[in-house]
Amino acid sequence: MENKQDYQEFYKNFLTSYSSGDVSAESVGKSICDLTQFYVDENIESAMTEIQYNKVLSVIEQTTDENGKMTSSAKAKTIAESRPEYEKYLLSKTHRDNIDQILKSLKALQQGIIIEFRNVSNT
């Protein structure tokens, strides 16, 4: 994904098409397929950022304080969450979750269009 906001622009364009009535079950299906690629890319990115965050957390957990005591897991987590690696992980996870919600919305819309089409064709 070239830009994290590509999926947001994609969905915004989809909503514009939807508002103008230019949406069919097939076009929604195509959008689901396209958006799935955004999800796959972001899922990989999320995993990579989580690995980096966990490495930082591990290093912090292995340190000792000024009294020679090992850093507690809770304290290490607090310290690690203030690092840029955690911010990258959290943002990536948020983007992935956003894409997942959009996918769920599109799937529900597709089902609704299919049901509507069936009802119209049965009358």
PDB file of N, CA and C in Angstrom:
ATOM      1  N   MET A   1       0.842  -1.155   0.000  1.00  0.00           N
ATOM      2  CA  MET A   1       0.000   0.000   0.000  1.00  0.00           C
ATOM      3  C   MET A   1       0.897   1.231   0.000  1.00  0.00           C
ATOM      4  N   GLU A   2       0.710   2.056  -1.010  1.00  0.00           N
ATOM      5  CA  GLU A   2       1.566   3.227  -1.124  1.00  0.00           C
ATOM      6  C   GLU A   2       1.316   4.238  -0.007  1.00  0.00           C
ATOM      7  N   ASN A   3       0.062   4.382   0.353  1.00  0.00           N
ATOM      8  CA  ASN A   3      -0.325   5.367   1.331  1.00  0.00           C
ATOM      9  C   ASN A   3      -1.388   4.746   2.230  1.00  0.00           C
ATOM     10  N   LYS A   4      -1.254   4.949   3.515  1.00  0.00           N
ATOM     11  CA  LYS A   4      -2.195   4.353   4.466  1.00  0.00           C
ATOM     12  C   LYS A   4      -3.626   4.809   4.195  1.00  0.00           C
ATOM     13  N   GLN A   5      -3.796   5.972   3.629  1.00  0.00           N
ATOM     14  CA  GLN A   5      -5.132   6.485   3.413  1.00  0.00           C
ATOM     15  C   GLN A   5      -5.728   6.055   2.075  1.00  0.00           C
ATOM     16  N   ASP A   6      -5.021   5.231   1.303  1.00  0.00           N
ATOM     17  CA  ASP A   6      -5.556   4.772   0.025  1.00  0.00           C
ATOM     18  C   ASP A   6      -6.897   4.075   0.194  1.00  0.00           C
ATOM     19  N   TYR A   7      -7.013   3.254   1.204  1.00  0.00           N
ATOM     20  CA  TYR A   7      -8.277   2.542   1.410  1.00  0.00           C
ATOM     21  C   TYR A   7      -9.398   3.514   1.775  1.00  0.00           C
ATOM     22  N   GLN A   8      -9.062   4.586   2.480  1.00  0.00           N
ATOM     23  CA  GLN A   8     -10.072   5.572   2.841  1.00  0.00           C
ATOM     24  C   GLN A   8     -10.571   6.295   1.591  1.00  0.00           C
ATOM     25  N   GLU A   9      -9.669   6.636   0.711  1.00  0.00           N
ATOM     26  CA  GLU A   9     -10.041   7.283  -0.554  1.00  0.00           C
ATOM     27  C   GLU A   9     -10.868   6.322  -1.406  1.00  0.00           C
ATOM     28  N   PHE A  10     -10.458   5.062  -1.436  1.00  0.00           N
ATOM     29  CA  PHE A  10     -11.185   4.033  -2.172  1.00  0.00           C
ATOM     30  C   PHE A  10     -12.625   3.951  -1.675  1.00  0.00           C
ATOM     31  N   TYR A  11     -12.800   3.894  -0.364  1.00  0.00           N
ATOM     32  CA  TYR A  11     -14.139   3.774   0.215  1.00  0.00           C
ATOM     33  C   TYR A  11     -14.950   5.049  -0.012  1.00  0.00           C
ATOM     34  N   LYS A  12     -14.307   6.195   0.077  1.00  0.00           N
ATOM     35  CA  LYS A  12     -14.988   7.467  -0.182  1.00  0.00           C
ATOM     36  C   LYS A  12     -15.519   7.489  -1.614  1.00  0.00           C
ATOM     37  N   ASN A  13     -14.713   7.034  -2.562  1.00  0.00           N
ATOM     38  CA  ASN A  13     -15.150   6.970  -3.961  1.00  0.00           C
ATOM     39  C   ASN A  13     -16.301   5.979  -4.127  1.00  0.00           C
ATOM     40  N   PHE A  14     -16.210   4.864  -3.405  1.00  0.00           N
ATOM     41  CA  PHE A  14     -17.293   3.886  -3.456  1.00  0.00           C
ATOM     42  C   PHE A  14     -18.594   4.503  -2.951  1.00  0.00           C
ATOM     43  N   LEU A  15     -18.528   5.214  -1.840  1.00  0.00           N
ATOM     44  CA  LEU A  15     -19.725   5.830  -1.267  1.00  0.00           C
ATOM     45  C   LEU A  15     -20.325   6.862  -2.218  1.00  0.00           C
ATOM     46  N   THR A  16     -19.480   7.568  -2.947  1.00  0.00           N
ATOM     47  CA  THR A  16     -19.969   8.522  -3.946  1.00  0.00           C
ATOM     48  C   THR A  16     -20.747   7.786  -5.032  1.00  0.00           C
ATOM     49  N   SER A  17     -20.194   6.668  -5.505  1.00  0.00           N
ATOM     50  CA  SER A  17     -20.892   5.852  -6.500  1.00  0.00           C
ATOM     51  C   SER A  17     -22.205   5.315  -5.937  1.00  0.00           C
ATOM     52  N   TYR A  18     -22.158   4.877  -4.701  1.00  0.00           N
ATOM     53  CA  TYR A  18     -23.360   4.340  -4.056  1.00  0.00           C
ATOM     54  C   TYR A  18     -24.448   5.415  -3.954  1.00  0.00           C
ATOM     55  N   SER A  19     -24.049   6.624  -3.589  1.00  0.00           N
ATOM     56  CA  SER A  19     -25.000   7.730  -3.448  1.00  0.00           C
ATOM     57  C   SER A  19     -25.678   8.076  -4.765  1.00  0.00           C
ATOM     58  N   SER A  20     -24.955   7.893  -5.855  1.00  0.00           N
ATOM     59  CA  SER A  20     -25.526   8.220  -7.160  1.00  0.00           C
ATOM     60  C   SER A  20     -26.277   7.040  -7.783  1.00  0.00           C
ATOM     61  N   GLY A  21     -26.314   5.915  -7.059  1.00  0.00           N
ATOM     62  CA  GLY A  21     -27.064   4.754  -7.542  1.00  0.00           C
ATOM     63  C   GLY A  21     -26.312   3.887  -8.528  1.00  0.00           C
ATOM     64  N   ASP A  22     -25.019   4.066  -8.638  1.00  0.00           N
ATOM     65  CA  ASP A  22     -24.197   3.312  -9.589  1.00  0.00           C
ATOM     66  C   ASP A  22     -23.574   2.074  -8.952  1.00  0.00           C
ATOM     67  N   VAL A  23     -24.337   1.353  -8.150  1.00  0.00           N
ATOM     68  CA  VAL A  23     -23.781   0.202  -7.447  1.00  0.00           C
ATOM     69  C   VAL A  23     -24.654  -1.024  -7.696  1.00  0.00           C
ATOM     70  N   SER A  24     -23.990  -2.119  -8.031  1.00  0.00           N
ATOM     71  CA  SER A  24     -24.664  -3.400  -8.199  1.00  0.00           C
ATOM     72  C   SER A  24     -23.981  -4.410  -7.282  1.00  0.00           C
ATOM     73  N   ALA A  25     -24.586  -5.582  -7.154  1.00  0.00           N
ATOM     74  CA  ALA A  25     -23.958  -6.632  -6.340  1.00  0.00           C
ATOM     75  C   ALA A  25     -22.580  -6.968  -6.890  1.00  0.00           C
ATOM     76  N   GLU A  26     -22.457  -6.954  -8.226  1.00  0.00           N
ATOM     77  CA  GLU A  26     -21.162  -7.270  -8.843  1.00  0.00           C
ATOM     78  C   GLU A  26     -20.118  -6.201  -8.535  1.00  0.00           C
ATOM     79  N   SER A  27     -20.523  -4.928  -8.584  1.00  0.00           N
ATOM     80  CA  SER A  27     -19.555  -3.865  -8.301  1.00  0.00           C
ATOM     81  C   SER A  27     -19.149  -3.873  -6.829  1.00  0.00           C
ATOM     82  N   VAL A  28     -20.089  -4.234  -5.960  1.00  0.00           N
ATOM     83  CA  VAL A  28     -19.749  -4.353  -4.547  1.00  0.00           C
ATOM     84  C   VAL A  28     -18.780  -5.521  -4.360  1.00  0.00           C
ATOM     85  N   GLY A  29     -19.040  -6.627  -5.053  1.00  0.00           N
ATOM     86  CA  GLY A  29     -18.136  -7.774  -4.990  1.00  0.00           C
ATOM     87  C   GLY A  29     -16.736  -7.415  -5.449  1.00  0.00           C
ATOM     88  N   LYS A  30     -16.642  -6.639  -6.525  1.00  0.00           N
ATOM     89  CA  LYS A  30     -15.332  -6.185  -7.017  1.00  0.00           C
ATOM     90  C   LYS A  30     -14.665  -5.304  -5.968  1.00  0.00           C
ATOM     91  N   SER A  31     -15.437  -4.440  -5.348  1.00  0.00           N
ATOM     92  CA  SER A  31     -14.883  -3.566  -4.309  1.00  0.00           C
ATOM     93  C   SER A  31     -14.389  -4.378  -3.116  1.00  0.00           C
ATOM     94  N   ILE A  32     -15.122  -5.438  -2.775  1.00  0.00           N
ATOM     95  CA  ILE A  32     -14.689  -6.317  -1.679  1.00  0.00           C
ATOM     96  C   ILE A  32     -13.349  -6.951  -2.027  1.00  0.00           C
ATOM     97  N   CYS A  33     -13.228  -7.419  -3.256  1.00  0.00           N
ATOM     98  CA  CYS A  33     -11.951  -8.025  -3.684  1.00  0.00           C
ATOM     99  C   CYS A  33     -10.813  -7.013  -3.635  1.00  0.00           C
ATOM    100  N   ASP A  34     -11.076  -5.811  -4.137  1.00  0.00           N
ATOM    101  CA  ASP A  34     -10.039  -4.771  -4.127  1.00  0.00           C
ATOM    102  C   ASP A  34      -9.650  -4.399  -2.696  1.00  0.00           C
ATOM    103  N   LEU A  35     -10.649  -4.238  -1.845  1.00  0.00           N
ATOM    104  CA  LEU A  35     -10.381  -3.848  -0.471  1.00  0.00           C
ATOM    105  C   LEU A  35      -9.685  -4.957   0.307  1.00  0.00           C
ATOM    106  N   THR A  36      -9.935  -6.193  -0.079  1.00  0.00           N
ATOM    107  CA  THR A  36      -9.260  -7.323   0.572  1.00  0.00           C
ATOM    108  C   THR A  36      -7.745  -7.218   0.386  1.00  0.00           C
ATOM    109  N   GLN A  37      -7.312  -6.723  -0.768  1.00  0.00           N
ATOM    110  CA  GLN A  37      -5.870  -6.548  -0.985  1.00  0.00           C
ATOM    111  C   GLN A  37      -5.310  -5.503  -0.027  1.00  0.00           C
ATOM    112  N   PHE A  38      -6.069  -4.436   0.225  1.00  0.00           N
ATOM    113  CA  PHE A  38      -5.637  -3.450   1.224  1.00  0.00           C
ATOM    114  C   PHE A  38      -5.493  -4.131   2.585  1.00  0.00           C
ATOM    115  N   TYR A  39      -6.457  -4.998   2.922  1.00  0.00           N
ATOM    116  CA  TYR A  39      -6.428  -5.692   4.205  1.00  0.00           C
ATOM    117  C   TYR A  39      -5.191  -6.597   4.309  1.00  0.00           C
ATOM    118  N   VAL A  40      -4.926  -7.339   3.252  1.00  0.00           N
ATOM    119  CA  VAL A  40      -3.764  -8.237   3.256  1.00  0.00           C
ATOM    120  C   VAL A  40      -2.484  -7.437   3.470  1.00  0.00           C
ATOM    121  N   ASP A  41      -2.333  -6.357   2.739  1.00  0.00           N
ATOM    122  CA  ASP A  41      -1.135  -5.521   2.871  1.00  0.00           C
ATOM    123  C   ASP A  41      -1.004  -4.959   4.286  1.00  0.00           C
ATOM    124  N   GLU A  42      -2.118  -4.477   4.817  1.00  0.00           N
ATOM    125  CA  GLU A  42      -2.078  -3.882   6.147  1.00  0.00           C
ATOM    126  C   GLU A  42      -1.870  -4.938   7.222  1.00  0.00           C
ATOM    127  N   ASN A  43      -2.384  -6.129   7.007  1.00  0.00           N
ATOM    128  CA  ASN A  43      -2.185  -7.210   7.962  1.00  0.00           C
ATOM    129  C   ASN A  43      -0.704  -7.577   8.055  1.00  0.00           C
ATOM    130  N   ILE A  44      -0.030  -7.620   6.922  1.00  0.00           N
ATOM    131  CA  ILE A  44       1.415  -7.887   6.907  1.00  0.00           C
ATOM    132  C   ILE A  44       2.161  -6.764   7.619  1.00  0.00           C
ATOM    133  N   GLU A  45       1.792  -5.533   7.304  1.00  0.00           N
ATOM    134  CA  GLU A  45       2.419  -4.372   7.951  1.00  0.00           C
ATOM    135  C   GLU A  45       2.197  -4.413   9.466  1.00  0.00           C
ATOM    136  N   SER A  46       0.993  -4.762   9.858  1.00  0.00           N
ATOM    137  CA  SER A  46       0.670  -4.835  11.284  1.00  0.00           C
ATOM    138  C   SER A  46       1.525  -5.897  11.984  1.00  0.00           C
ATOM    139  N   ALA A  47       1.681  -7.034  11.347  1.00  0.00           N
ATOM    140  CA  ALA A  47       2.512  -8.096  11.928  1.00  0.00           C
ATOM    141  C   ALA A  47       3.957  -7.638  12.069  1.00  0.00           C
ATOM    142  N   MET A  48       4.468  -6.962  11.053  1.00  0.00           N
ATOM    143  CA  MET A  48       5.854  -6.494  11.101  1.00  0.00           C
ATOM    144  C   MET A  48       6.051  -5.454  12.210  1.00  0.00           C
ATOM    145  N   THR A  49       5.091  -4.553  12.362  1.00  0.00           N
ATOM    146  CA  THR A  49       5.228  -3.534  13.409  1.00  0.00           C
ATOM    147  C   THR A  49       5.059  -4.150  14.795  1.00  0.00           C
ATOM    148  N   GLU A  50       4.223  -5.181  14.906  1.00  0.00           N
ATOM    149  CA  GLU A  50       4.077  -5.866  16.194  1.00  0.00           C
ATOM    150  C   GLU A  50       5.372  -6.583  16.573  1.00  0.00           C
ATOM    151  N   ILE A  51       6.042  -7.171  15.599  1.00  0.00           N
ATOM    152  CA  ILE A  51       7.323  -7.832  15.849  1.00  0.00           C
ATOM    153  C   ILE A  51       8.338  -6.811  16.363  1.00  0.00           C
ATOM    154  N   GLN A  52       8.392  -5.646  15.736  1.00  0.00           N
ATOM    155  CA  GLN A  52       9.333  -4.607  16.175  1.00  0.00           C
ATOM    156  C   GLN A  52       9.012  -4.136  17.591  1.00  0.00           C
ATOM    157  N   TYR A  53       7.730  -3.940  17.853  1.00  0.00           N
ATOM    158  CA  TYR A  53       7.319  -3.525  19.202  1.00  0.00           C
ATOM    159  C   TYR A  53       7.717  -4.583  20.232  1.00  0.00           C
ATOM    160  N   ASN A  54       7.472  -5.850  19.921  1.00  0.00           N
ATOM    161  CA  ASN A  54       7.808  -6.929  20.859  1.00  0.00           C
ATOM    162  C   ASN A  54       9.315  -7.025  21.099  1.00  0.00           C
ATOM    163  N   LYS A  55      10.107  -6.719  20.091  1.00  0.00           N
ATOM    164  CA  LYS A  55      11.560  -6.702  20.281  1.00  0.00           C
ATOM    165  C   LYS A  55      11.961  -5.605  21.261  1.00  0.00           C
ATOM    166  N   VAL A  56      11.352  -4.434  21.100  1.00  0.00           N
ATOM    167  CA  VAL A  56      11.641  -3.326  22.022  1.00  0.00           C
ATOM    168  C   VAL A  56      11.212  -3.703  23.435  1.00  0.00           C
ATOM    169  N   LEU A  57      10.032  -4.280  23.553  1.00  0.00           N
ATOM    170  CA  LEU A  57       9.523  -4.702  24.863  1.00  0.00           C
ATOM    171  C   LEU A  57      10.461  -5.713  25.506  1.00  0.00           C
ATOM    172  N   SER A  58      10.946  -6.650  24.718  1.00  0.00           N
ATOM    173  CA  SER A  58      11.859  -7.667  25.232  1.00  0.00           C
ATOM    174  C   SER A  58      13.149  -7.053  25.753  1.00  0.00           C
ATOM    175  N   VAL A  59      13.687  -6.107  25.024  1.00  0.00           N
ATOM    176  CA  VAL A  59      14.928  -5.444  25.459  1.00  0.00           C
ATOM    177  C   VAL A  59      14.697  -4.699  26.773  1.00  0.00           C
ATOM    178  N   ILE A  60      13.571  -4.008  26.853  1.00  0.00           N
ATOM    179  CA  ILE A  60      13.271  -3.249  28.078  1.00  0.00           C
ATOM    180  C   ILE A  60      13.087  -4.187  29.264  1.00  0.00           C
ATOM    181  N   GLU A  61      12.407  -5.321  29.049  1.00  0.00           N
ATOM    182  CA  GLU A  61      12.186  -6.282  30.135  1.00  0.00           C
ATOM    183  C   GLU A  61      13.497  -6.874  30.654  1.00  0.00           C
ATOM    184  N   GLN A  62      14.530  -6.875  29.848  1.00  0.00           N
ATOM    185  CA  GLN A  62      15.808  -7.456  30.247  1.00  0.00           C
ATOM    186  C   GLN A  62      16.722  -6.453  30.953  1.00  0.00           C
ATOM    187  N   THR A  63      16.262  -5.225  31.093  1.00  0.00           N
ATOM    188  CA  THR A  63      17.087  -4.213  31.764  1.00  0.00           C
ATOM    189  C   THR A  63      16.853  -4.253  33.273  1.00  0.00           C
ATOM    190  N   THR A  64      17.761  -3.643  33.984  1.00  0.00           N
ATOM    191  CA  THR A  64      17.641  -3.539  35.439  1.00  0.00           C
ATOM    192  C   THR A  64      17.532  -2.071  35.817  1.00  0.00           C
ATOM    193  N   ASP A  65      16.906  -1.822  36.959  1.00  0.00           N
ATOM    194  CA  ASP A  65      16.802  -0.435  37.423  1.00  0.00           C
ATOM    195  C   ASP A  65      18.064  -0.046  38.199  1.00  0.00           C
ATOM    196  N   GLU A  66      18.040   1.124  38.792  1.00  0.00           N
ATOM    197  CA  GLU A  66      19.226   1.625  39.504  1.00  0.00           C
ATOM    198  C   GLU A  66      19.582   0.786  40.729  1.00  0.00           C
ATOM    199  N   ASN A  67      18.661  -0.029  41.203  1.00  0.00           N
ATOM    200  CA  ASN A  67      18.921  -0.902  42.354  1.00  0.00           C
ATOM    201  C   ASN A  67      19.315  -2.311  41.935  1.00  0.00           C
ATOM    202  N   GLY A  68      19.411  -2.533  40.624  1.00  0.00           N
ATOM    203  CA  GLY A  68      19.789  -3.846  40.125  1.00  0.00           C
ATOM    204  C   GLY A  68      18.629  -4.822  39.993  1.00  0.00           C
ATOM    205  N   LYS A  69      17.413  -4.339  40.193  1.00  0.00           N
ATOM    206  CA  LYS A  69      16.238  -5.200  40.062  1.00  0.00           C
ATOM    207  C   LYS A  69      15.787  -5.219  38.599  1.00  0.00           C
ATOM    208  N   MET A  70      15.325  -6.404  38.180  1.00  0.00           N
ATOM    209  CA  MET A  70      14.814  -6.530  36.811  1.00  0.00           C
ATOM    210  C   MET A  70      13.564  -5.664  36.647  1.00  0.00           C
ATOM    211  N   THR A  71      13.401  -5.125  35.468  1.00  0.00           N
ATOM    212  CA  THR A  71      12.221  -4.322  35.175  1.00  0.00           C
ATOM    213  C   THR A  71      10.999  -5.226  35.112  1.00  0.00           C
ATOM    214  N   SER A  72       9.953  -4.840  35.805  1.00  0.00           N
ATOM    215  CA  SER A  72       8.731  -5.650  35.795  1.00  0.00           C
ATOM    216  C   SER A  72       8.085  -5.596  34.407  1.00  0.00           C
ATOM    217  N   SER A  73       7.294  -6.604  34.115  1.00  0.00           N
ATOM    218  CA  SER A  73       6.608  -6.658  32.825  1.00  0.00           C
ATOM    219  C   SER A  73       5.677  -5.467  32.648  1.00  0.00           C
ATOM    220  N   ALA A  74       4.980  -5.096  33.704  1.00  0.00           N
ATOM    221  CA  ALA A  74       4.051  -3.959  33.632  1.00  0.00           C
ATOM    222  C   ALA A  74       4.803  -2.657  33.346  1.00  0.00           C
ATOM    223  N   LYS A  75       5.922  -2.464  34.034  1.00  0.00           N
ATOM    224  CA  LYS A  75       6.710  -1.246  33.831  1.00  0.00           C
ATOM    225  C   LYS A  75       7.328  -1.255  32.438  1.00  0.00           C
ATOM    226  N   ALA A  76       7.819  -2.410  32.009  1.00  0.00           N
ATOM    227  CA  ALA A  76       8.409  -2.522  30.674  1.00  0.00           C
ATOM    228  C   ALA A  76       7.372  -2.202  29.599  1.00  0.00           C
ATOM    229  N   LYS A  77       6.146  -2.693  29.802  1.00  0.00           N
ATOM    230  CA  LYS A  77       5.082  -2.431  28.841  1.00  0.00           C
ATOM    231  C   LYS A  77       4.770  -0.937  28.777  1.00  0.00           C
ATOM    232  N   THR A  78       4.702  -0.299  29.919  1.00  0.00           N
ATOM    233  CA  THR A  78       4.433   1.143  29.976  1.00  0.00           C
ATOM    234  C   THR A  78       5.526   1.921  29.246  1.00  0.00           C
ATOM    235  N   ILE A  79       6.761   1.553  29.488  1.00  0.00           N
ATOM    236  CA  ILE A  79       7.893   2.225  28.827  1.00  0.00           C
ATOM    237  C   ILE A  79       7.847   1.964  27.318  1.00  0.00           C
ATOM    238  N   ALA A  80       7.611   0.718  26.942  1.00  0.00           N
ATOM    239  CA  ALA A  80       7.589   0.355  25.518  1.00  0.00           C
ATOM    240  C   ALA A  80       6.467   1.068  24.781  1.00  0.00           C
ATOM    241  N   GLU A  81       5.338   1.279  25.459  1.00  0.00           N
ATOM    242  CA  GLU A  81       4.215   1.944  24.810  1.00  0.00           C
ATOM    243  C   GLU A  81       4.454   3.428  24.565  1.00  0.00           C
ATOM    244  N   SER A  82       5.511   3.958  25.121  1.00  0.00           N
ATOM    245  CA  SER A  82       5.857   5.352  24.851  1.00  0.00           C
ATOM    246  C   SER A  82       6.839   5.475  23.685  1.00  0.00           C
ATOM    247  N   ARG A  83       7.242   4.362  23.120  1.00  0.00           N
ATOM    248  CA  ARG A  83       8.219   4.329  22.032  1.00  0.00           C
ATOM    249  C   ARG A  83       7.531   4.438  20.668  1.00  0.00           C
ATOM    250  N   PRO A  84       8.247   4.926  19.662  1.00  0.00           N
ATOM    251  CA  PRO A  84       7.668   5.053  18.308  1.00  0.00           C
ATOM    252  C   PRO A  84       7.233   3.709  17.712  1.00  0.00           C
ATOM    253  N   GLU A  85       7.903   2.630  18.111  1.00  0.00           N
ATOM    254  CA  GLU A  85       7.529   1.312  17.589  1.00  0.00           C
ATOM    255  C   GLU A  85       6.095   0.946  17.975  1.00  0.00           C
ATOM    256  N   TYR A  86       5.703   1.322  19.182  1.00  0.00           N
ATOM    257  CA  TYR A  86       4.341   1.030  19.628  1.00  0.00           C
ATOM    258  C   TYR A  86       3.337   1.886  18.857  1.00  0.00           C
ATOM    259  N   GLU A  87       3.678   3.133  18.641  1.00  0.00           N
ATOM    260  CA  GLU A  87       2.799   4.021  17.876  1.00  0.00           C
ATOM    261  C   GLU A  87       2.567   3.471  16.466  1.00  0.00           C
ATOM    262  N   LYS A  88       3.642   3.011  15.829  1.00  0.00           N
ATOM    263  CA  LYS A  88       3.510   2.430  14.489  1.00  0.00           C
ATOM    264  C   LYS A  88       2.631   1.184  14.522  1.00  0.00           C
ATOM    265  N   TYR A  89       2.838   0.345  15.538  1.00  0.00           N
ATOM    266  CA  TYR A  89       2.032  -0.864  15.686  1.00  0.00           C
ATOM    267  C   TYR A  89       0.564  -0.513  15.887  1.00  0.00           C
ATOM    268  N   LEU A  90       0.298   0.416  16.773  1.00  0.00           N
ATOM    269  CA  LEU A  90      -1.076   0.790  17.078  1.00  0.00           C
ATOM    270  C   LEU A  90      -1.774   1.403  15.864  1.00  0.00           C
ATOM    271  N   LEU A  91      -1.094   2.266  15.143  1.00  0.00           N
ATOM    272  CA  LEU A  91      -1.679   2.865  13.943  1.00  0.00           C
ATOM    273  C   LEU A  91      -1.949   1.817  12.870  1.00  0.00           C
ATOM    274  N   SER A  92      -1.003   0.920  12.687  1.00  0.00           N
ATOM    275  CA  SER A  92      -1.185  -0.136  11.692  1.00  0.00           C
ATOM    276  C   SER A  92      -2.360  -1.032  12.056  1.00  0.00           C
ATOM    277  N   LYS A  93      -2.451  -1.380  13.320  1.00  0.00           N
ATOM    278  CA  LYS A  93      -3.570  -2.207  13.794  1.00  0.00           C
ATOM    279  C   LYS A  93      -4.892  -1.467  13.589  1.00  0.00           C
ATOM    280  N   THR A  94      -4.912  -0.184  13.849  1.00  0.00           N
ATOM    281  CA  THR A  94      -6.125   0.613  13.668  1.00  0.00           C
ATOM    282  C   THR A  94      -6.539   0.644  12.201  1.00  0.00           C
ATOM    283  N   HIS A  95      -5.577   0.834  11.304  1.00  0.00           N
ATOM    284  CA  HIS A  95      -5.888   0.811   9.868  1.00  0.00           C
ATOM    285  C   HIS A  95      -6.455  -0.550   9.465  1.00  0.00           C
ATOM    286  N   ARG A  96      -5.841  -1.616   9.963  1.00  0.00           N
ATOM    287  CA  ARG A  96      -6.317  -2.965   9.645  1.00  0.00           C
ATOM    288  C   ARG A  96      -7.744  -3.167  10.142  1.00  0.00           C
ATOM    289  N   ASP A  97      -8.005  -2.709  11.353  1.00  0.00           N
ATOM    290  CA  ASP A  97      -9.351  -2.829  11.916  1.00  0.00           C
ATOM    291  C   ASP A  97     -10.361  -1.991  11.118  1.00  0.00           C
ATOM    292  N   ASN A  98      -9.948  -0.807  10.676  1.00  0.00           N
ATOM    293  CA  ASN A  98     -10.822   0.032   9.855  1.00  0.00           C
ATOM    294  C   ASN A  98     -11.182  -0.678   8.553  1.00  0.00           C
ATOM    295  N   ILE A  99     -10.186  -1.249   7.902  1.00  0.00           N
ATOM    296  CA  ILE A  99     -10.417  -1.958   6.646  1.00  0.00           C
ATOM    297  C   ILE A  99     -11.351  -3.136   6.884  1.00  0.00           C
ATOM    298  N   ASP A 100     -11.159  -3.837   7.975  1.00  0.00           N
ATOM    299  CA  ASP A 100     -12.021  -4.969   8.312  1.00  0.00           C
ATOM    300  C   ASP A 100     -13.472  -4.514   8.469  1.00  0.00           C
ATOM    301  N   GLN A 101     -13.690  -3.395   9.133  1.00  0.00           N
ATOM    302  CA  GLN A 101     -15.051  -2.873   9.307  1.00  0.00           C
ATOM    303  C   GLN A 101     -15.676  -2.473   7.976  1.00  0.00           C
ATOM    304  N   ILE A 102     -14.891  -1.872   7.102  1.00  0.00           N
ATOM    305  CA  ILE A 102     -15.400  -1.501   5.776  1.00  0.00           C
ATOM    306  C   ILE A 102     -15.767  -2.756   4.991  1.00  0.00           C
ATOM    307  N   LEU A 103     -14.915  -3.777   5.069  1.00  0.00           N
ATOM    308  CA  LEU A 103     -15.217  -5.045   4.398  1.00  0.00           C
ATOM    309  C   LEU A 103     -16.533  -5.638   4.898  1.00  0.00           C
ATOM    310  N   LYS A 104     -16.731  -5.630   6.193  1.00  0.00           N
ATOM    311  CA  LYS A 104     -17.977  -6.152   6.756  1.00  0.00           C
ATOM    312  C   LYS A 104     -19.172  -5.352   6.254  1.00  0.00           C
ATOM    313  N   SER A 105     -19.010  -4.051   6.181  1.00  0.00           N
ATOM    314  CA  SER A 105     -20.078  -3.186   5.688  1.00  0.00           C
ATOM    315  C   SER A 105     -20.407  -3.493   4.231  1.00  0.00           C
ATOM    316  N   LEU A 106     -19.378  -3.659   3.418  1.00  0.00           N
ATOM    317  CA  LEU A 106     -19.592  -3.962   2.000  1.00  0.00           C
ATOM    318  C   LEU A 106     -20.247  -5.328   1.809  1.00  0.00           C
ATOM    319  N   LYS A 107     -19.837  -6.297   2.615  1.00  0.00           N
ATOM    320  CA  LYS A 107     -20.445  -7.633   2.516  1.00  0.00           C
ATOM    321  C   LYS A 107     -21.924  -7.581   2.878  1.00  0.00           C
ATOM    322  N   ALA A 108     -22.264  -6.820   3.906  1.00  0.00           N
ATOM    323  CA  ALA A 108     -23.667  -6.672   4.293  1.00  0.00           C
ATOM    324  C   ALA A 108     -24.450  -5.960   3.193  1.00  0.00           C
ATOM    325  N   LEU A 109     -23.850  -4.940   2.610  1.00  0.00           N
ATOM    326  CA  LEU A 109     -24.499  -4.224   1.507  1.00  0.00           C
ATOM    327  C   LEU A 109     -24.731  -5.154   0.328  1.00  0.00           C
ATOM    328  N   GLN A 110     -23.724  -5.946   0.006  1.00  0.00           N
ATOM    329  CA  GLN A 110     -23.851  -6.885  -1.112  1.00  0.00           C
ATOM    330  C   GLN A 110     -25.002  -7.857  -0.867  1.00  0.00           C
ATOM    331  N   GLN A 111     -25.086  -8.384   0.338  1.00  0.00           N
ATOM    332  CA  GLN A 111     -26.180  -9.301   0.680  1.00  0.00           C
ATOM    333  C   GLN A 111     -27.528  -8.603   0.534  1.00  0.00           C
ATOM    334  N   GLY A 112     -27.606  -7.354   0.990  1.00  0.00           N
ATOM    335  CA  GLY A 112     -28.842  -6.589   0.876  1.00  0.00           C
ATOM    336  C   GLY A 112     -29.248  -6.365  -0.574  1.00  0.00           C
ATOM    337  N   ILE A 113     -28.287  -6.069  -1.420  1.00  0.00           N
ATOM    338  CA  ILE A 113     -28.569  -5.854  -2.844  1.00  0.00           C
ATOM    339  C   ILE A 113     -29.052  -7.150  -3.480  1.00  0.00           C
ATOM    340  N   ILE A 114     -28.418  -8.252  -3.144  1.00  0.00           N
ATOM    341  CA  ILE A 114     -28.820  -9.557  -3.698  1.00  0.00           C
ATOM    342  C   ILE A 114     -30.249  -9.894  -3.269  1.00  0.00           C
ATOM    343  N   ILE A 115     -30.563  -9.683  -1.997  1.00  0.00           N
ATOM    344  CA  ILE A 115     -31.917  -9.961  -1.504  1.00  0.00           C
ATOM    345  C   ILE A 115     -32.931  -9.053  -2.195  1.00  0.00           C
ATOM    346  N   GLU A 116     -32.588  -7.786  -2.321  1.00  0.00           N
ATOM    347  CA  GLU A 116     -33.487  -6.838  -2.999  1.00  0.00           C
ATOM    348  C   GLU A 116     -33.715  -7.263  -4.452  1.00  0.00           C
ATOM    349  N   PHE A 117     -32.664  -7.674  -5.110  1.00  0.00           N
ATOM    350  CA  PHE A 117     -32.768  -8.109  -6.508  1.00  0.00           C
ATOM    351  C   PHE A 117     -33.683  -9.337  -6.603  1.00  0.00           C
ATOM    352  N   ARG A 118     -33.518 -10.261  -5.679  1.00  0.00           N
ATOM    353  CA  ARG A 118     -34.357 -11.473  -5.678  1.00  0.00           C
ATOM    354  C   ARG A 118     -35.834 -11.102  -5.455  1.00  0.00           C
ATOM    355  N   ASN A 119     -36.072 -10.185  -4.525  1.00  0.00           N
ATOM    356  CA  ASN A 119     -37.438  -9.786  -4.239  1.00  0.00           C
ATOM    357  C   ASN A 119     -38.081  -9.092  -5.440  1.00  0.00           C
ATOM    358  N   VAL A 120     -37.332  -8.241  -6.116  1.00  0.00           N
ATOM    359  CA  VAL A 120     -37.855  -7.537  -7.291  1.00  0.00           C
ATOM    360  C   VAL A 120     -38.122  -8.515  -8.422  1.00  0.00           C
ATOM    361  N   SER A 121     -37.229  -9.480  -8.618  1.00  0.00           N
ATOM    362  CA  SER A 121     -37.406 -10.427  -9.715  1.00  0.00           C
ATOM    363  C   SER A 121     -38.510 -11.444  -9.428  1.00  0.00           C
ATOM    364  N   ASN A 122     -38.909 -11.601  -8.169  1.00  0.00           N
ATOM    365  CA  ASN A 122     -39.980 -12.545  -7.817  1.00  0.00           C
ATOM    366  C   ASN A 122     -41.360 -11.909  -7.877  1.00  0.00           C
ATOM    367  N   THR A 123     -41.421 -10.618  -8.127  1.00  0.00           N
ATOM    368  CA  THR A 123     -42.745  -9.964  -8.179  1.00  0.00           C
ATOM    369  C   THR A 123     -43.245  -9.804  -9.584  1.00  0.00           C
TER     370      THR A 123
END
